[in-house]
C-alpha atoms as a PDB file:
ATOM      1  CA  MET A   1      71.186-172.144  34.257  1.00  0.00           C
ATOM      2  CA  ASN A   2      71.392-171.161  30.462  1.00  0.00           C
ATOM      3  CA  SER A   3      74.277-172.816  29.159  1.00  0.00           C
ATOM      4  CA  ASP A   4      75.345-169.677  27.766  1.00  0.00           C
ATOM      5  CA  ILE A   5      75.387-167.726  31.039  1.00  0.00           C
ATOM      6  CA  GLU A   6      77.387-170.859  32.818  1.00  0.00           C
ATOM      7  CA  LYS A   7      79.977-171.109  30.054  1.00  0.00           C
ATOM      8  CA  TYR A   8      80.617-167.230  30.449  1.00  0.00           C
ATOM      9  CA  ILE A   9      80.742-167.457  34.606  1.00  0.00           C
ATOM     10  CA  LEU A  10      82.876-170.132  33.909  1.00  0.00           C
ATOM     11  CA  GLU A  11      85.600-167.730  31.809  1.00  0.00           C
ATOM     12  CA  ILE A  12      85.388-165.141  34.335  1.00  0.00           C
ATOM     13  CA  SER A  13      85.443-166.826  37.071  1.00  0.00           C
ATOM     14  CA  SER A  14      89.183-168.106  38.501  1.00  0.00           C
ATOM     15  CA  ASP A  15      90.261-171.563  37.386  1.00  0.00           C
ATOM     16  CA  GLU A  16      89.527-174.979  38.445  1.00  0.00           C
ATOM     17  CA  ASP A  17      92.725-176.550  39.384  1.00  0.00           C
ATOM     18  CA  GLN A  18      94.115-179.668  37.863  1.00  0.00           C
ATOM     19  CA  ILE A  19      93.310-182.297  40.563  1.00  0.00           C
ATOM     20  CA  LEU A  20      89.435-181.061  41.208  1.00  0.00           C
ATOM     21  CA  LYS A  21      89.270-181.347  37.341  1.00  0.00           C
ATOM     22  CA  ASP A  22      90.822-184.841  37.441  1.00  0.00           C
ATOM     23  CA  LEU A  23      88.044-185.755  40.327  1.00  0.00           C
ATOM     24  CA  TYR A  24      84.935-183.992  38.708  1.00  0.00           C
ATOM     25  CA  ARG A  25      86.267-186.322  35.129  1.00  0.00           C
ATOM     26  CA  GLU A  26      86.662-189.698  37.289  1.00  0.00           C
ATOM     27  CA  THR A  27      83.517-189.123  39.160  1.00  0.00           C
ATOM     28  CA  HIS A  28      81.781-188.515  35.671  1.00  0.00           C
ATOM     29  CA  THR A  29      83.390-192.048  34.428  1.00  0.00           C
ATOM     30  CA  SER A  30      82.845-194.078  37.062  1.00  0.00           C
ATOM     31  CA  VAL A  31      80.423-193.010  39.494  1.00  0.00           C
ATOM     32  CA  ILE A  32      76.645-193.551  39.491  1.00  0.00           C
ATOM     33  CA  ASN A  33      74.740-190.266  39.698  1.00  0.00           C
ATOM     34  CA  PRO A  34      77.832-187.756  39.107  1.00  0.00           C
ATOM     35  CA  ASN A  35      75.693-185.031  39.213  1.00  0.00           C
ATOM     36  CA  MET A  36      75.481-185.002  42.499  1.00  0.00           C
ATOM     37  CA  ILE A  37      79.222-183.972  42.783  1.00  0.00           C
ATOM     38  CA  SER A  38      79.482-179.945  43.484  1.00  0.00           C
ATOM     39  CA  GLY A  39      81.258-178.849  40.804  1.00  0.00           C
ATOM     40  CA  HIS A  40      83.479-175.336  40.022  1.00  0.00           C
ATOM     41  CA  ILE A  41      81.168-172.961  40.261  1.00  0.00           C
ATOM     42  CA  GLN A  42      79.587-174.100  43.488  1.00  0.00           C
ATOM     43  CA  GLY A  43      82.960-175.491  44.499  1.00  0.00           C
ATOM     44  CA  LYS A  44      84.705-172.105  44.107  1.00  0.00           C
ATOM     45  CA  LEU A  45      82.043-170.033  46.415  1.00  0.00           C
ATOM     46  CA  LEU A  46      82.276-172.991  49.209  1.00  0.00           C
ATOM     47  CA  GLU A  47      86.050-172.219  49.258  1.00  0.00           C
ATOM     48  CA  MET A  48      85.225-168.007  49.353  1.00  0.00           C
ATOM     49  CA  ILE A  49      83.086-168.337  52.109  1.00  0.00           C
ATOM     50  CA  VAL A  50      85.366-170.434  54.368  1.00  0.00           C
ATOM     51  CA  ARG A  51      88.068-168.026  53.440  1.00  0.00           C
ATOM     52  CA  MET A  52      85.748-165.217  54.710  1.00  0.00           C
ATOM     53  CA  THR A  53      84.266-166.671  57.467  1.00  0.00           C
ATOM     54  CA  LYS A  54      87.548-168.370  58.873  1.00  0.00           C
ATOM     55  CA  PRO A  55      86.321-171.441  60.684  1.00  0.00           C
ATOM     56  CA  GLU A  56      88.037-173.515  63.135  1.00  0.00           C
ATOM     57  CA  LEU A  57      86.159-176.521  62.711  1.00  0.00           C
ATOM     58  CA  VAL A  58      83.768-177.477  60.078  1.00  0.00           C
ATOM     59  CA  LEU A  59      81.372-180.380  59.599  1.00  0.00           C
ATOM     60  CA  GLU A  60      80.011-181.902  56.079  1.00  0.00           C
ATOM     61  CA  ILE A  61      77.201-183.953  55.855  1.00  0.00           C
ATOM     62  CA  GLY A  62      77.572-186.150  52.641  1.00  0.00           C
ATOM     63  CA  THR A  63      81.247-186.397  51.253  1.00  0.00           C
ATOM     64  CA  TYR A  64      80.380-187.921  48.046  1.00  0.00           C
ATOM     65  CA  THR A  65      83.804-187.781  46.255  1.00  0.00           C
ATOM     66  CA  GLY A  66      85.234-185.570  47.924  1.00  0.00           C
ATOM     67  CA  TYR A  67      84.993-182.096  45.670  1.00  0.00           C
ATOM     68  CA  SER A  68      83.336-179.737  48.252  1.00  0.00           C
ATOM     69  CA  ALA A  69      85.895-181.132  51.532  1.00  0.00           C
ATOM     70  CA  ILE A  70      88.598-180.551  49.018  1.00  0.00           C
ATOM     71  CA  SER A  71      87.303-176.961  48.162  1.00  0.00           C
ATOM     72  CA  MET A  72      86.903-176.216  51.712  1.00  0.00           C
ATOM     73  CA  ALA A  73      89.642-177.619  53.463  1.00  0.00           C
ATOM     74  CA  ARG A  74      91.994-175.872  50.862  1.00  0.00           C
ATOM     75  CA  ALA A  75      90.679-172.388  52.330  1.00  0.00           C
ATOM     76  CA  LEU A  76      90.925-173.615  55.991  1.00  0.00           C
ATOM     77  CA  PRO A  77      93.348-171.679  59.254  1.00  0.00           C
ATOM     78  CA  GLU A  78      96.248-173.427  59.672  1.00  0.00           C
ATOM     79  CA  ARG A  79      95.027-175.366  62.748  1.00  0.00           C
ATOM     80  CA  ALA A  80      91.437-175.664  61.430  1.00  0.00           C
ATOM     81  CA  ARG A  81      89.645-179.264  60.640  1.00  0.00           C
ATOM     82  CA  LEU A  82      86.929-180.479  58.887  1.00  0.00           C
ATOM     83  CA  HIS A  83      84.802-183.364  59.209  1.00  0.00           C
ATOM     84  CA  THR A  84      82.678-184.979  56.713  1.00  0.00           C
ATOM     85  CA  ILE A  85      80.689-188.030  56.682  1.00  0.00           C
ATOM     86  CA  GLU A  86      79.320-190.433  53.651  1.00  0.00           C
ATOM     87  CA  ILE A  87      77.405-193.239  54.332  1.00  0.00           C
ATOM     88  CA  ASN A  88      78.633-194.943  50.772  1.00  0.00           C
ATOM     89  CA  ASP A  89      81.714-196.437  52.014  1.00  0.00           C
ATOM     90  CA  GLU A  90      82.179-197.654  48.434  1.00  0.00           C
ATOM     91  CA  LEU A  91      82.852-193.894  47.271  1.00  0.00           C
ATOM     92  CA  ALA A  92      86.050-193.723  50.124  1.00  0.00           C
ATOM     93  CA  GLU A  93      88.424-195.053  47.705  1.00  0.00           C
ATOM     94  CA  ILE A  94      87.947-192.152  45.623  1.00  0.00           C
ATOM     95  CA  SER A  95      87.319-189.301  47.999  1.00  0.00           C
ATOM     96  CA  SER A  96      90.732-190.230  50.198  1.00  0.00           C
ATOM     97  CA  ARG A  97      92.864-190.891  47.071  1.00  0.00           C
ATOM     98  CA  TYR A  98      92.067-187.257  45.798  1.00  0.00           C
ATOM     99  CA  VAL A  99      92.232-185.731  49.183  1.00  0.00           C
ATOM    100  CA  ASN A 100      95.834-187.418  49.615  1.00  0.00           C
ATOM    101  CA  LYS A 101      96.766-185.817  46.099  1.00  0.00           C
ATOM    102  CA  ALA A 102      95.512-182.230  47.133  1.00  0.00           C
ATOM    103  CA  GLU A 103      97.959-183.086  50.300  1.00  0.00           C
ATOM    104  CA  LEU A 104      94.445-182.577  52.711  1.00  0.00           C
ATOM    105  CA  ASP A 105      95.129-185.369  54.896  1.00  0.00           C
ATOM    106  CA  ASP A 106      96.222-183.388  57.856  1.00  0.00           C
ATOM    107  CA  LYS A 107      92.813-181.035  57.347  1.00  0.00           C
ATOM    108  CA  ILE A 108      89.707-183.865  56.462  1.00  0.00           C
ATOM    109  CA  ILE A 109      88.819-186.001  58.819  1.00  0.00           C
ATOM    110  CA  PHE A 110      86.677-188.969  57.552  1.00  0.00           C
ATOM    111  CA  HIS A 111      83.526-190.628  58.979  1.00  0.00           C
ATOM    112  CA  CYS A 112      81.344-193.256  57.580  1.00  0.00           C
ATOM    113  CA  GLY A 113      77.774-194.028  58.570  1.00  0.00           C
ATOM    114  CA  ASP A 114      74.677-192.601  58.996  1.00  0.00           C
ATOM    115  CA  ALA A 115      74.779-189.195  59.483  1.00  0.00           C
ATOM    116  CA  ILE A 116      71.849-188.473  61.605  1.00  0.00           C
ATOM    117  CA  ALA A 117      73.496-191.490  64.101  1.00  0.00           C
ATOM    118  CA  LEU A 118      76.833-189.744  63.887  1.00  0.00           C
ATOM    119  CA  MET A 119      75.593-186.419  64.785  1.00  0.00           C
ATOM    120  CA  LYS A 120      73.577-187.328  68.171  1.00  0.00           C
ATOM    121  CA  LYS A 121      77.116-188.799  69.363  1.00  0.00           C
ATOM    122  CA  MET A 122      79.121-185.530  68.328  1.00  0.00           C
ATOM    123  CA  GLU A 123      80.836-183.486  71.260  1.00  0.00           C
ATOM    124  CA  LEU A 124      82.178-181.149  68.846  1.00  0.00           C
ATOM    125  CA  TYR A 125      81.066-177.884  68.336  1.00  0.00           C
ATOM    126  CA  PHE A 126      81.210-176.640  64.413  1.00  0.00           C
ATOM    127  CA  ASP A 127      81.723-172.603  63.124  1.00  0.00           C
ATOM    128  CA  LEU A 128      80.400-173.913  59.200  1.00  0.00           C
ATOM    129  CA  ILE A 129      78.114-176.989  58.400  1.00  0.00           C
ATOM    130  CA  PHE A 130      77.520-178.226  55.311  1.00  0.00           C
ATOM    131  CA  ILE A 131      74.477-180.179  54.704  1.00  0.00           C
ATOM    132  CA  ASP A 132      74.181-182.174  51.317  1.00  0.00           C
ATOM    133  CA  GLY A 133      73.483-185.612  52.507  1.00  0.00           C
ATOM    134  CA  ASP A 134      69.917-187.679  51.692  1.00  0.00           C
ATOM    135  CA  LYS A 135      67.300-184.643  50.827  1.00  0.00           C
ATOM    136  CA  ARG A 136      64.531-186.699  52.953  1.00  0.00           C
ATOM    137  CA  GLN A 137      66.459-186.155  56.263  1.00  0.00           C
ATOM    138  CA  TYR A 138      67.356-182.500  55.749  1.00  0.00           C
ATOM    139  CA  PRO A 139      64.571-181.426  58.298  1.00  0.00           C
ATOM    140  CA  GLU A 140      66.297-183.989  61.232  1.00  0.00           C
ATOM    141  CA  TYR A 141      70.322-182.848  59.787  1.00  0.00           C
ATOM    142  CA  TYR A 142      68.749-178.854  60.488  1.00  0.00           C
ATOM    143  CA  GLU A 143      67.624-179.484  63.944  1.00  0.00           C
ATOM    144  CA  LEU A 144      70.828-181.770  64.997  1.00  0.00           C
ATOM    145  CA  ALA A 145      72.958-179.337  63.118  1.00  0.00           C
ATOM    146  CA  LEU A 146      71.937-175.950  65.159  1.00  0.00           C
ATOM    147  CA  ASP A 147      72.622-178.062  68.285  1.00  0.00           C
ATOM    148  CA  ILE A 148      76.134-178.280  67.392  1.00  0.00           C
ATOM    149  CA  LEU A 149      76.411-175.117  65.675  1.00  0.00           C
ATOM    150  CA  ASN A 150      78.120-171.950  67.278  1.00  0.00           C
ATOM    151  CA  LYS A 151      76.525-168.890  67.991  1.00  0.00           C
ATOM    152  CA  GLY A 152      77.017-166.710  64.587  1.00  0.00           C
ATOM    153  CA  GLY A 153      78.063-169.837  62.963  1.00  0.00           C
ATOM    154  CA  TYR A 154      76.878-170.321  59.560  1.00  0.00           C
ATOM    155  CA  MET A 155      74.888-173.795  57.890  1.00  0.00           C
ATOM    156  CA  LEU A 156      75.220-174.131  54.128  1.00  0.00           C
ATOM    157  CA  ALA A 157      72.323-176.439  52.703  1.00  0.00           C
ATOM    158  CA  ASP A 158      72.559-177.681  48.441  1.00  0.00           C
ATOM    159  CA  ASN A 159      69.939-178.494  46.027  1.00  0.00           C
ATOM    160  CA  VAL A 160      66.984-176.477  48.107  1.00  0.00           C
ATOM    161  CA  LEU A 161      65.378-175.547  45.009  1.00  0.00           C
ATOM    162  CA  TRP A 162      65.463-179.448  43.653  1.00  0.00           C
ATOM    163  CA  ASN A 163      65.397-179.062  40.271  1.00  0.00           C
ATOM    164  CA  GLY A 164      62.510-176.645  40.267  1.00  0.00           C
ATOM    165  CA  LYS A 165      60.070-179.679  41.887  1.00  0.00           C
ATOM    166  CA  VAL A 166      59.613-177.500  45.446  1.00  0.00           C
ATOM    167  CA  ILE A 167      57.151-175.533  43.612  1.00  0.00           C
ATOM    168  CA  ASP A 168      55.719-178.191  41.228  1.00  0.00           C
ATOM    169  CA  PRO A 169      52.492-179.387  43.232  1.00  0.00           C
ATOM    170  CA  THR A 170      52.191-182.408  41.179  1.00  0.00           C
ATOM    171  CA  VAL A 171      55.621-184.005  42.951  1.00  0.00           C
ATOM    172  CA  ASN A 172      55.384-185.310  46.371  1.00  0.00           C
ATOM    173  CA  ASP A 173      57.852-187.912  46.168  1.00  0.00           C
ATOM    174  CA  PRO A 174      59.882-188.287  49.672  1.00  0.00           C
ATOM    175  CA  MET A 175      62.971-186.397  48.527  1.00  0.00           C
ATOM    176  CA  THR A 176      60.558-183.474  47.202  1.00  0.00           C
ATOM    177  CA  GLU A 177      58.896-183.404  50.324  1.00  0.00           C
ATOM    178  CA  GLY A 178      61.895-183.742  52.876  1.00  0.00           C
ATOM    179  CA  ILE A 179      63.411-180.639  51.008  1.00  0.00           C
ATOM    180  CA  ARG A 180      60.191-178.932  51.157  1.00  0.00           C
ATOM    181  CA  GLU A 181      59.743-179.423  54.819  1.00  0.00           C
ATOM    182  CA  PHE A 182      63.461-178.663  55.476  1.00  0.00           C
ATOM    183  CA  ASN A 183      62.864-175.047  53.811  1.00  0.00           C
ATOM    184  CA  LEU A 184      59.386-174.393  55.495  1.00  0.00           C
ATOM    185  CA  LYS A 185      61.177-175.304  58.976  1.00  0.00           C
ATOM    186  CA  VAL A 186      64.161-172.814  58.432  1.00  0.00           C
ATOM    187  CA  LYS A 187      61.962-170.203  56.903  1.00  0.00           C
ATOM    188  CA  GLU A 188      59.743-170.366  60.158  1.00  0.00           C
ATOM    189  CA  ASP A 189      62.687-170.455  62.705  1.00  0.00           C
ATOM    190  CA  THR A 190      63.445-167.189  64.612  1.00  0.00           C
ATOM    191  CA  ARG A 191      66.634-168.807  65.709  1.00  0.00           C
ATOM    192  CA  THR A 192      68.259-168.194  62.379  1.00  0.00           C
ATOM    193  CA  GLU A 193      68.656-165.605  59.225  1.00  0.00           C
ATOM    194  CA  LYS A 194      68.845-167.119  56.052  1.00  0.00           C
ATOM    195  CA  ILE A 195      68.840-166.635  52.340  1.00  0.00           C
ATOM    196  CA  ILE A 196      68.684-169.022  49.296  1.00  0.00           C
ATOM    197  CA  LEU A 197      71.287-168.275  46.722  1.00  0.00           C
ATOM    198  CA  PRO A 198      70.289-169.228  43.263  1.00  0.00           C
ATOM    199  CA  VAL A 199      73.572-171.259  42.530  1.00  0.00           C
ATOM    200  CA  ARG A 200      73.621-174.435  41.000  1.00  0.00           C
ATOM    201  CA  ASP A 201      70.357-176.067  42.228  1.00  0.00           C
ATOM    202  CA  GLY A 202      69.864-173.653  44.951  1.00  0.00           C
ATOM    203  CA  LEU A 203      72.152-173.136  48.057  1.00  0.00           C
ATOM    204  CA  MET A 204      70.169-171.880  51.319  1.00  0.00           C
ATOM    205  CA  LEU A 205      73.005-169.613  53.412  1.00  0.00           C
ATOM    206  CA  ILE A 206      71.476-170.012  57.212  1.00  0.00           C
ATOM    207  CA  ARG A 207      73.218-167.986  60.198  1.00  0.00           C
ATOM    208  CA  LYS A 208      72.311-168.783  63.956  1.00  0.00           C
ATOM    209  CA  TYR A 209      71.525-165.806  66.080  1.00  0.00           C
END
């Protein structure tokens, strides 16, 4: 996104609160690949989507340092819960600390491990699922997510434009191919309706019929 346009969007949008500002800053100073964090624009969009759809159960694949989990959990109805999965246990200290600062310990349930293995064992059905894990596994996440997504429920998938690599025929690394396969699978799936939002690195919004 053009930096001037992004600055304007940030100026017009609701302010980022201090806890998320601190989390964003700490992620960029202490964690490898800090660009993986959702950030203010996407975090606010996720919060608004949760506020609009009022899900009772949310599943997030890829906690990272907790920015998106906090953003979504803040908008949950009173008895609703968010389950979030992260394979990298070294990130748990940061994410759990900021969830505690945000006073959301009762809203967010952490799972550490491989998302595919954990999803296969889940006996819960979700109203909203946010996919932001290993890009190579997006196609498998999608199939498993559909199985545990309620009818009329929504799925969100991050990074579906992958910095433009998805339309570059010279790029064929496993992560890019995983996203391409995912995008095509979603496009051809008659069980869902879908649209890509050009937010940040591309956000796919999917509704299960």
